Amino acid sequence: MIIIPAIDVLGGRCVRLSQGEYADPTVYGDDPVVVARSFIVAGATRIHVVDLDAARGRATPESANAVRAIVAECAGARCEVEVGGGVRDIGIALALLSAGASFVVLGSIAVRDPESASAICHAAPGRVLLGLDVRAGMARVQGWTEDGMAASELLRLWRDWETAGLIYTDTMRDGVMAGPDLDGLRSCRAGYAGPVYLSGGLSSLADIAASAAAGAAGVVVGKALYEGRINLVKALRAVASLVA
């Protein structure tokens, strides 16, 4: 299992939202590249990056430039980087991958236009992650501002797609450090054929260990790192001891 620090970019800055609410973001850094560099120095082998502006259909040059700069920083340090938010056509996906992203994350397009999403998966085998962002059993799209379709239906639809895995997020837990949704993780693992990564609610080393025990291929950790609830160096060591 791997620990994947998260960087959410809004207006070119590193922020965290609570349950996906855009109205009151908490800013953790004016330069997301500096944040990415700190994660790399701590030993991260993969970073999760989301362009929040693009995710809700309001892409800005500031955020797009910040994402590209993070990708370049990670590529130079040989750290994998997965990029999501606004990846809604094959051109955007391939451009990000050509720029150095290790993976792209498909959210809204995989819910609303499965045919196009499947085409992206075929065009970039092994380099696409599916983002399943759920609230009360329904997938959330357009930057978590709208409902899509039932999560259970999507799992059946996506089950045999050739991807690098699935990132499952309980949006009600995201940014509030209330503990991960292990039952949701287990449901995803039962309904989806590939690796499942867990995001949302993680706030302690115990949460990470519980996620590993429940079968998570990795965990995406955000606010708990920024608030000092989880020390990345210690967490990476703890995970290394789990798999040793």
C-alpha atoms as a PDB file:
ATOM      1  CA  MET A   1       0.000   0.000   0.000  1.00  0.00           C
ATOM      2  CA  ILE A   2       1.146   3.538  -0.728  1.00  0.00           C
ATOM      3  CA  ILE A   3       0.439   6.933   0.832  1.00  0.00           C
ATOM      4  CA  ILE A   4      -0.397   9.617  -1.716  1.00  0.00           C
ATOM      5  CA  PRO A   5      -0.299  13.232  -0.459  1.00  0.00           C
ATOM      6  CA  ALA A   6      -2.926  15.466  -2.053  1.00  0.00           C
ATOM      7  CA  ILE A   7      -2.580  18.952  -3.502  1.00  0.00           C
ATOM      8  CA  ASP A   8      -5.788  20.745  -4.482  1.00  0.00           C
ATOM      9  CA  VAL A   9      -5.263  23.858  -6.587  1.00  0.00           C
ATOM     10  CA  LEU A  10      -7.744  26.745  -6.654  1.00  0.00           C
ATOM     11  CA  GLY A  11      -6.870  30.103  -8.150  1.00  0.00           C
ATOM     12  CA  GLY A  12      -3.275  28.947  -8.435  1.00  0.00           C
ATOM     13  CA  ARG A  13      -2.962  28.323  -4.686  1.00  0.00           C
ATOM     14  CA  CYS A  14      -2.831  25.156  -2.572  1.00  0.00           C
ATOM     15  CA  VAL A  15      -6.132  24.828  -0.703  1.00  0.00           C
ATOM     16  CA  ARG A  16      -8.381  22.326   1.017  1.00  0.00           C
ATOM     17  CA  LEU A  17     -12.146  22.298   0.849  1.00  0.00           C
ATOM     18  CA  SER A  18     -14.507  20.850   3.432  1.00  0.00           C
ATOM     19  CA  GLN A  19     -16.875  18.304   1.852  1.00  0.00           C
ATOM     20  CA  GLY A  20     -16.143  19.849  -1.532  1.00  0.00           C
ATOM     21  CA  GLU A  21     -17.590  23.267  -0.674  1.00  0.00           C
ATOM     22  CA  TYR A  22     -15.951  25.996  -2.750  1.00  0.00           C
ATOM     23  CA  ALA A  23     -17.330  28.933  -0.767  1.00  0.00           C
ATOM     24  CA  ASP A  24     -14.806  28.852   2.075  1.00  0.00           C
ATOM     25  CA  PRO A  25     -11.476  27.253   1.050  1.00  0.00           C
ATOM     26  CA  THR A  26      -8.583  27.034   3.499  1.00  0.00           C
ATOM     27  CA  VAL A  27      -5.342  28.207   1.877  1.00  0.00           C
ATOM     28  CA  TYR A  28      -2.220  26.235   2.815  1.00  0.00           C
ATOM     29  CA  GLY A  29       0.230  27.753   0.370  1.00  0.00           C
ATOM     30  CA  ASP A  30       0.509  30.364  -2.355  1.00  0.00           C
ATOM     31  CA  ASP A  31       2.912  28.163  -4.338  1.00  0.00           C
ATOM     32  CA  PRO A  32       1.725  24.561  -4.817  1.00  0.00           C
ATOM     33  CA  VAL A  33       5.119  23.600  -6.238  1.00  0.00           C
ATOM     34  CA  VAL A  34       6.734  24.347  -2.888  1.00  0.00           C
ATOM     35  CA  VAL A  35       4.164  22.056  -1.261  1.00  0.00           C
ATOM     36  CA  ALA A  36       4.882  19.305  -3.786  1.00  0.00           C
ATOM     37  CA  ARG A  37       8.603  19.669  -3.159  1.00  0.00           C
ATOM     38  CA  SER A  38       8.078  19.252   0.580  1.00  0.00           C
ATOM     39  CA  PHE A  39       6.195  16.001  -0.001  1.00  0.00           C
ATOM     40  CA  ILE A  40       8.945  14.715  -2.291  1.00  0.00           C
ATOM     41  CA  VAL A  41      11.634  15.573   0.283  1.00  0.00           C
ATOM     42  CA  ALA A  42       9.603  13.685   2.911  1.00  0.00           C
ATOM     43  CA  GLY A  43       9.753  10.580   0.717  1.00  0.00           C
ATOM     44  CA  ALA A  44       6.470  10.534  -1.212  1.00  0.00           C
ATOM     45  CA  THR A  45       6.607   8.373  -4.329  1.00  0.00           C
ATOM     46  CA  ARG A  46       3.311   9.635  -5.775  1.00  0.00           C
ATOM     47  CA  ILE A  47       1.343  12.878  -5.429  1.00  0.00           C
ATOM     48  CA  HIS A  48      -2.361  13.422  -6.133  1.00  0.00           C
ATOM     49  CA  VAL A  49      -3.157  16.769  -7.792  1.00  0.00           C
ATOM     50  CA  VAL A  50      -6.593  18.230  -8.532  1.00  0.00           C
ATOM     51  CA  ASP A  51      -7.338  21.403 -10.490  1.00  0.00           C
ATOM     52  CA  LEU A  52     -10.452  22.502  -8.601  1.00  0.00           C
ATOM     53  CA  ASP A  53     -11.200  25.330 -11.021  1.00  0.00           C
ATOM     54  CA  ALA A  54     -11.230  22.992 -14.008  1.00  0.00           C
ATOM     55  CA  ALA A  55     -13.191  20.386 -12.032  1.00  0.00           C
ATOM     56  CA  ARG A  56     -16.242  22.654 -11.861  1.00  0.00           C
ATOM     57  CA  GLY A  57     -15.848  23.837 -15.444  1.00  0.00           C
ATOM     58  CA  ARG A  58     -14.167  27.190 -14.698  1.00  0.00           C
ATOM     59  CA  ALA A  59     -10.556  26.581 -15.685  1.00  0.00           C
ATOM     60  CA  THR A  60      -8.117  29.392 -14.924  1.00  0.00           C
ATOM     61  CA  PRO A  61      -4.597  30.030 -16.267  1.00  0.00           C
ATOM     62  CA  GLU A  62      -3.299  30.331 -12.691  1.00  0.00           C
ATOM     63  CA  SER A  63      -4.399  26.847 -11.711  1.00  0.00           C
ATOM     64  CA  ALA A  64      -3.493  25.270 -15.052  1.00  0.00           C
ATOM     65  CA  ASN A  65       0.008  26.722 -14.816  1.00  0.00           C
ATOM     66  CA  ALA A  66       0.373  25.550 -11.210  1.00  0.00           C
ATOM     67  CA  VAL A  67      -0.635  22.005 -12.161  1.00  0.00           C
ATOM     68  CA  ARG A  68       1.852  21.942 -15.038  1.00  0.00           C
ATOM     69  CA  ALA A  69       4.583  23.201 -12.710  1.00  0.00           C
ATOM     70  CA  ILE A  70       3.813  20.468 -10.155  1.00  0.00           C
ATOM     71  CA  VAL A  71       3.936  17.843 -12.900  1.00  0.00           C
ATOM     72  CA  ALA A  72       7.332  19.147 -14.033  1.00  0.00           C
ATOM     73  CA  GLU A  73       8.633  19.180 -10.450  1.00  0.00           C
ATOM     74  CA  CYS A  74       7.530  15.588  -9.865  1.00  0.00           C
ATOM     75  CA  ALA A  75       8.908  14.389 -13.195  1.00  0.00           C
ATOM     76  CA  GLY A  76      12.276  15.933 -12.386  1.00  0.00           C
ATOM     77  CA  ALA A  77      12.313  14.202  -9.014  1.00  0.00           C
ATOM     78  CA  ARG A  78      11.108  10.860 -10.428  1.00  0.00           C
ATOM     79  CA  CYS A  79       8.000  11.037  -8.284  1.00  0.00           C
ATOM     80  CA  GLU A  80       4.762   9.813  -9.850  1.00  0.00           C
ATOM     81  CA  VAL A  81       1.937  12.319 -10.117  1.00  0.00           C
ATOM     82  CA  GLU A  82      -1.730  11.698 -10.825  1.00  0.00           C
ATOM     83  CA  VAL A  83      -3.766  14.642 -12.122  1.00  0.00           C
ATOM     84  CA  GLY A  84      -7.513  15.116 -11.991  1.00  0.00           C
ATOM     85  CA  GLY A  85     -10.026  17.905 -12.306  1.00  0.00           C
ATOM     86  CA  GLY A  86     -11.447  18.871 -15.682  1.00  0.00           C
ATOM     87  CA  VAL A  87     -10.009  15.910 -17.612  1.00  0.00           C
ATOM     88  CA  ARG A  88     -13.056  15.676 -19.864  1.00  0.00           C
ATOM     89  CA  ASP A  89     -11.698  14.720 -23.278  1.00  0.00           C
ATOM     90  CA  ILE A  90      -8.942  12.655 -24.805  1.00  0.00           C
ATOM     91  CA  GLY A  91      -6.965  15.725 -25.874  1.00  0.00           C
ATOM     92  CA  ILE A  92      -6.638  17.030 -22.309  1.00  0.00           C
ATOM     93  CA  ALA A  93      -5.773  13.566 -20.987  1.00  0.00           C
ATOM     94  CA  LEU A  94      -3.042  12.921 -23.536  1.00  0.00           C
ATOM     95  CA  ALA A  95      -1.637  16.443 -23.142  1.00  0.00           C
ATOM     96  CA  LEU A  96      -1.226  15.930 -19.384  1.00  0.00           C
ATOM     97  CA  LEU A  97       0.406  12.555 -19.895  1.00  0.00           C
ATOM     98  CA  SER A  98       2.735  13.959 -22.561  1.00  0.00           C
ATOM     99  CA  ALA A  99       3.670  16.776 -20.162  1.00  0.00           C
ATOM    100  CA  GLY A 100       4.887  14.240 -17.619  1.00  0.00           C
ATOM    101  CA  ALA A 101       1.868  13.168 -15.576  1.00  0.00           C
ATOM    102  CA  SER A 102       2.074   9.511 -14.606  1.00  0.00           C
ATOM    103  CA  PHE A 103      -1.706   9.091 -14.494  1.00  0.00           C
ATOM    104  CA  VAL A 104      -4.849  11.070 -15.249  1.00  0.00           C
ATOM    105  CA  VAL A 105      -7.961  10.786 -13.108  1.00  0.00           C
ATOM    106  CA  LEU A 106     -11.321  10.629 -14.894  1.00  0.00           C
ATOM    107  CA  GLY A 107     -14.313  11.738 -12.845  1.00  0.00           C
ATOM    108  CA  SER A 108     -17.231  13.490 -14.529  1.00  0.00           C
ATOM    109  CA  ILE A 109     -16.527  12.117 -18.014  1.00  0.00           C
ATOM    110  CA  ALA A 110     -16.455   8.531 -16.729  1.00  0.00           C
ATOM    111  CA  VAL A 111     -19.930   9.073 -15.265  1.00  0.00           C
ATOM    112  CA  ARG A 112     -21.559  11.132 -18.002  1.00  0.00           C
ATOM    113  CA  ASP A 113     -19.799   9.894 -21.137  1.00  0.00           C
ATOM    114  CA  PRO A 114     -18.554   6.358 -20.543  1.00  0.00           C
ATOM    115  CA  GLU A 115     -17.842   5.794 -24.235  1.00  0.00           C
ATOM    116  CA  SER A 116     -15.378   8.695 -24.375  1.00  0.00           C
ATOM    117  CA  ALA A 117     -13.858   7.719 -21.031  1.00  0.00           C
ATOM    118  CA  SER A 118     -13.363   4.161 -22.232  1.00  0.00           C
ATOM    119  CA  ALA A 119     -11.635   5.528 -25.345  1.00  0.00           C
ATOM    120  CA  ILE A 120      -9.192   7.432 -23.128  1.00  0.00           C
ATOM    121  CA  CYS A 121      -8.444   4.240 -21.213  1.00  0.00           C
ATOM    122  CA  HIS A 122      -7.674   2.428 -24.471  1.00  0.00           C
ATOM    123  CA  ALA A 123      -5.519   5.321 -25.716  1.00  0.00           C
ATOM    124  CA  ALA A 124      -3.459   5.361 -22.505  1.00  0.00           C
ATOM    125  CA  PRO A 125      -3.427   1.799 -21.142  1.00  0.00           C
ATOM    126  CA  GLY A 126      -2.406   1.572 -17.502  1.00  0.00           C
ATOM    127  CA  ARG A 127      -2.278   5.342 -17.071  1.00  0.00           C
ATOM    128  CA  VAL A 128      -5.904   6.144 -16.218  1.00  0.00           C
ATOM    129  CA  LEU A 129      -7.482   6.157 -12.768  1.00  0.00           C
ATOM    130  CA  LEU A 130     -11.237   6.389 -12.295  1.00  0.00           C
ATOM    131  CA  GLY A 131     -12.524   8.796  -9.667  1.00  0.00           C
ATOM    132  CA  LEU A 132     -15.619   7.624  -7.820  1.00  0.00           C
ATOM    133  CA  ASP A 133     -16.753  10.507  -5.609  1.00  0.00           C
ATOM    134  CA  VAL A 134     -19.843   9.462  -3.683  1.00  0.00           C
ATOM    135  CA  ARG A 135     -22.458  11.118  -1.515  1.00  0.00           C
ATOM    136  CA  ALA A 136     -25.322   9.024  -0.135  1.00  0.00           C
ATOM    137  CA  GLY A 137     -24.776   6.327  -2.742  1.00  0.00           C
ATOM    138  CA  MET A 138     -24.704   8.700  -5.720  1.00  0.00           C
ATOM    139  CA  ALA A 139     -21.639   9.660  -7.741  1.00  0.00           C
ATOM    140  CA  ARG A 140     -20.921  13.396  -7.643  1.00  0.00           C
ATOM    141  CA  VAL A 141     -19.711  15.220 -10.761  1.00  0.00           C
ATOM    142  CA  GLN A 142     -18.782  18.714 -11.971  1.00  0.00           C
ATOM    143  CA  GLY A 143     -16.505  19.384  -9.023  1.00  0.00           C
ATOM    144  CA  TRP A 144     -18.918  17.568  -6.675  1.00  0.00           C
ATOM    145  CA  THR A 145     -21.655  20.129  -7.406  1.00  0.00           C
ATOM    146  CA  GLU A 146     -24.098  17.750  -9.139  1.00  0.00           C
ATOM    147  CA  ASP A 147     -25.336  14.160  -8.859  1.00  0.00           C
ATOM    148  CA  GLY A 148     -24.441  11.690 -11.574  1.00  0.00           C
ATOM    149  CA  MET A 149     -25.676   8.108 -11.236  1.00  0.00           C
ATOM    150  CA  ALA A 150     -25.719   5.402  -8.584  1.00  0.00           C
ATOM    151  CA  ALA A 151     -22.247   4.304  -7.506  1.00  0.00           C
ATOM    152  CA  SER A 152     -23.264   0.640  -7.672  1.00  0.00           C
ATOM    153  CA  GLU A 153     -24.213   1.029 -11.343  1.00  0.00           C
ATOM    154  CA  LEU A 154     -20.899   2.673 -12.137  1.00  0.00           C
ATOM    155  CA  LEU A 155     -18.935  -0.108 -10.490  1.00  0.00           C
ATOM    156  CA  ARG A 156     -20.697  -2.631 -12.720  1.00  0.00           C
ATOM    157  CA  LEU A 157     -20.069  -0.445 -15.768  1.00  0.00           C
ATOM    158  CA  TRP A 158     -16.377   0.124 -15.003  1.00  0.00           C
ATOM    159  CA  ARG A 159     -15.602  -3.319 -13.635  1.00  0.00           C
ATOM    160  CA  ASP A 160     -13.587  -4.656 -16.549  1.00  0.00           C
ATOM    161  CA  TRP A 161     -12.139  -1.436 -17.963  1.00  0.00           C
ATOM    162  CA  GLU A 162      -8.372  -1.501 -18.429  1.00  0.00           C
ATOM    163  CA  THR A 163      -7.266   1.109 -15.889  1.00  0.00           C
ATOM    164  CA  ALA A 164      -4.621   1.686 -13.238  1.00  0.00           C
ATOM    165  CA  GLY A 165      -7.307   1.556 -10.562  1.00  0.00           C
ATOM    166  CA  LEU A 166     -10.149   3.386  -8.857  1.00  0.00           C
ATOM    167  CA  ILE A 167     -10.011   6.220  -6.320  1.00  0.00           C
ATOM    168  CA  TYR A 168     -12.999   6.068  -3.972  1.00  0.00           C
ATOM    169  CA  THR A 169     -13.983   9.168  -1.987  1.00  0.00           C
ATOM    170  CA  ASP A 170     -16.867   9.603   0.422  1.00  0.00           C
ATOM    171  CA  THR A 171     -17.404  13.325  -0.174  1.00  0.00           C
ATOM    172  CA  MET A 172     -19.120  13.817   3.180  1.00  0.00           C
ATOM    173  CA  ARG A 173     -15.896  12.778   4.936  1.00  0.00           C
ATOM    174  CA  ASP A 174     -13.512  14.731   2.740  1.00  0.00           C
ATOM    175  CA  GLY A 175     -11.731  17.529   4.577  1.00  0.00           C
ATOM    176  CA  VAL A 176     -13.384  16.842   7.936  1.00  0.00           C
ATOM    177  CA  MET A 177     -11.017  14.091   9.201  1.00  0.00           C
ATOM    178  CA  ALA A 178     -13.904  11.961  10.466  1.00  0.00           C
ATOM    179  CA  GLY A 179     -12.292   8.635   9.571  1.00  0.00           C
ATOM    180  CA  PRO A 180     -12.307   6.741   6.266  1.00  0.00           C
ATOM    181  CA  ASP A 181     -15.309   4.931   4.804  1.00  0.00           C
ATOM    182  CA  LEU A 182     -14.060   1.371   5.092  1.00  0.00           C
ATOM    183  CA  ASP A 183     -17.442  -0.125   4.210  1.00  0.00           C
ATOM    184  CA  GLY A 184     -17.446   1.893   0.998  1.00  0.00           C
ATOM    185  CA  LEU A 185     -13.923   0.662   0.277  1.00  0.00           C
ATOM    186  CA  ARG A 186     -15.021  -2.940   0.723  1.00  0.00           C
ATOM    187  CA  SER A 187     -18.018  -2.409  -1.576  1.00  0.00           C
ATOM    188  CA  CYS A 188     -15.735  -0.988  -4.246  1.00  0.00           C
ATOM    189  CA  ARG A 189     -13.333  -3.885  -3.938  1.00  0.00           C
ATOM    190  CA  ALA A 190     -16.223  -6.326  -4.283  1.00  0.00           C
ATOM    191  CA  GLY A 191     -17.662  -4.570  -7.327  1.00  0.00           C
ATOM    192  CA  TYR A 192     -14.540  -3.471  -9.187  1.00  0.00           C
ATOM    193  CA  ALA A 193     -11.847  -5.705 -10.622  1.00  0.00           C
ATOM    194  CA  GLY A 194      -8.799  -3.442 -10.218  1.00  0.00           C
ATOM    195  CA  PRO A 195      -6.906  -1.784  -7.342  1.00  0.00           C
ATOM    196  CA  VAL A 196      -8.951   0.562  -5.147  1.00  0.00           C
ATOM    197  CA  TYR A 197      -7.436   3.638  -3.514  1.00  0.00           C
ATOM    198  CA  LEU A 198      -9.211   5.293  -0.594  1.00  0.00           C
ATOM    199  CA  SER A 199      -9.618   9.024  -0.075  1.00  0.00           C
ATOM    200  CA  GLY A 200     -11.531  11.152   2.406  1.00  0.00           C
ATOM    201  CA  GLY A 201     -11.572  11.339   6.190  1.00  0.00           C
ATOM    202  CA  LEU A 202      -8.152   9.904   7.040  1.00  0.00           C
ATOM    203  CA  SER A 203      -6.753  11.603  10.140  1.00  0.00           C
ATOM    204  CA  SER A 204      -4.310   9.223  11.845  1.00  0.00           C
ATOM    205  CA  LEU A 205      -1.831   6.399  11.419  1.00  0.00           C
ATOM    206  CA  ALA A 206      -4.537   4.122  12.772  1.00  0.00           C
ATOM    207  CA  ASP A 207      -6.827   5.141   9.897  1.00  0.00           C
ATOM    208  CA  ILE A 208      -4.076   4.315   7.417  1.00  0.00           C
ATOM    209  CA  ALA A 209      -3.454   0.916   9.026  1.00  0.00           C
ATOM    210  CA  ALA A 210      -7.186   0.150   9.017  1.00  0.00           C
ATOM    211  CA  SER A 211      -7.385   1.072   5.339  1.00  0.00           C
ATOM    212  CA  ALA A 212      -4.507  -1.257   4.558  1.00  0.00           C
ATOM    213  CA  ALA A 213      -6.166  -4.061   6.504  1.00  0.00           C
ATOM    214  CA  ALA A 214      -9.381  -3.497   4.540  1.00  0.00           C
ATOM    215  CA  GLY A 215      -7.509  -3.953   1.279  1.00  0.00           C
ATOM    216  CA  ALA A 216      -6.806  -0.424   0.034  1.00  0.00           C
ATOM    217  CA  ALA A 217      -4.079  -0.292  -2.598  1.00  0.00           C
ATOM    218  CA  GLY A 218      -3.229   3.150  -1.283  1.00  0.00           C
ATOM    219  CA  VAL A 219      -4.644   6.147   0.549  1.00  0.00           C
ATOM    220  CA  VAL A 220      -4.905   9.762  -0.543  1.00  0.00           C
ATOM    221  CA  VAL A 221      -4.225  12.066   2.403  1.00  0.00           C
ATOM    222  CA  GLY A 222      -4.775  15.804   2.418  1.00  0.00           C
ATOM    223  CA  LYS A 223      -5.962  17.927   5.310  1.00  0.00           C
ATOM    224  CA  ALA A 224      -4.484  15.660   7.985  1.00  0.00           C
ATOM    225  CA  LEU A 225      -1.025  16.391   6.550  1.00  0.00           C
ATOM    226  CA  TYR A 226      -1.584  20.133   6.370  1.00  0.00           C
ATOM    227  CA  GLU A 227      -3.006  20.287   9.894  1.00  0.00           C
ATOM    228  CA  GLY A 228      -0.218  18.172  11.377  1.00  0.00           C
ATOM    229  CA  ARG A 229      -2.444  15.270  12.358  1.00  0.00           C
ATOM    230  CA  ILE A 230      -0.352  12.915  10.233  1.00  0.00           C
ATOM    231  CA  ASN A 231       3.414  13.231   9.827  1.00  0.00           C
ATOM    232  CA  LEU A 232       4.244  12.069   6.309  1.00  0.00           C
ATOM    233  CA  VAL A 233       7.725  10.760   7.141  1.00  0.00           C
ATOM    234  CA  LYS A 234       6.400   8.676  10.033  1.00  0.00           C
ATOM    235  CA  ALA A 235       3.419   7.496   8.003  1.00  0.00           C
ATOM    236  CA  LEU A 236       5.638   6.328   5.141  1.00  0.00           C
ATOM    237  CA  ARG A 237       7.814   4.433   7.588  1.00  0.00           C
ATOM    238  CA  ALA A 238       4.772   2.853   9.221  1.00  0.00           C
ATOM    239  CA  VAL A 239       3.434   1.673   5.881  1.00  0.00           C
ATOM    240  CA  ALA A 240       6.850   0.300   4.918  1.00  0.00           C
ATOM    241  CA  SER A 241       6.834  -1.768   8.105  1.00  0.00           C
ATOM    242  CA  LEU A 242       3.328  -3.066   7.304  1.00  0.00           C
ATOM    243  CA  VAL A 243       4.431  -4.477   3.961  1.00  0.00           C
ATOM    244  CA  ALA A 244       7.920  -5.579   5.027  1.00  0.00           C
END
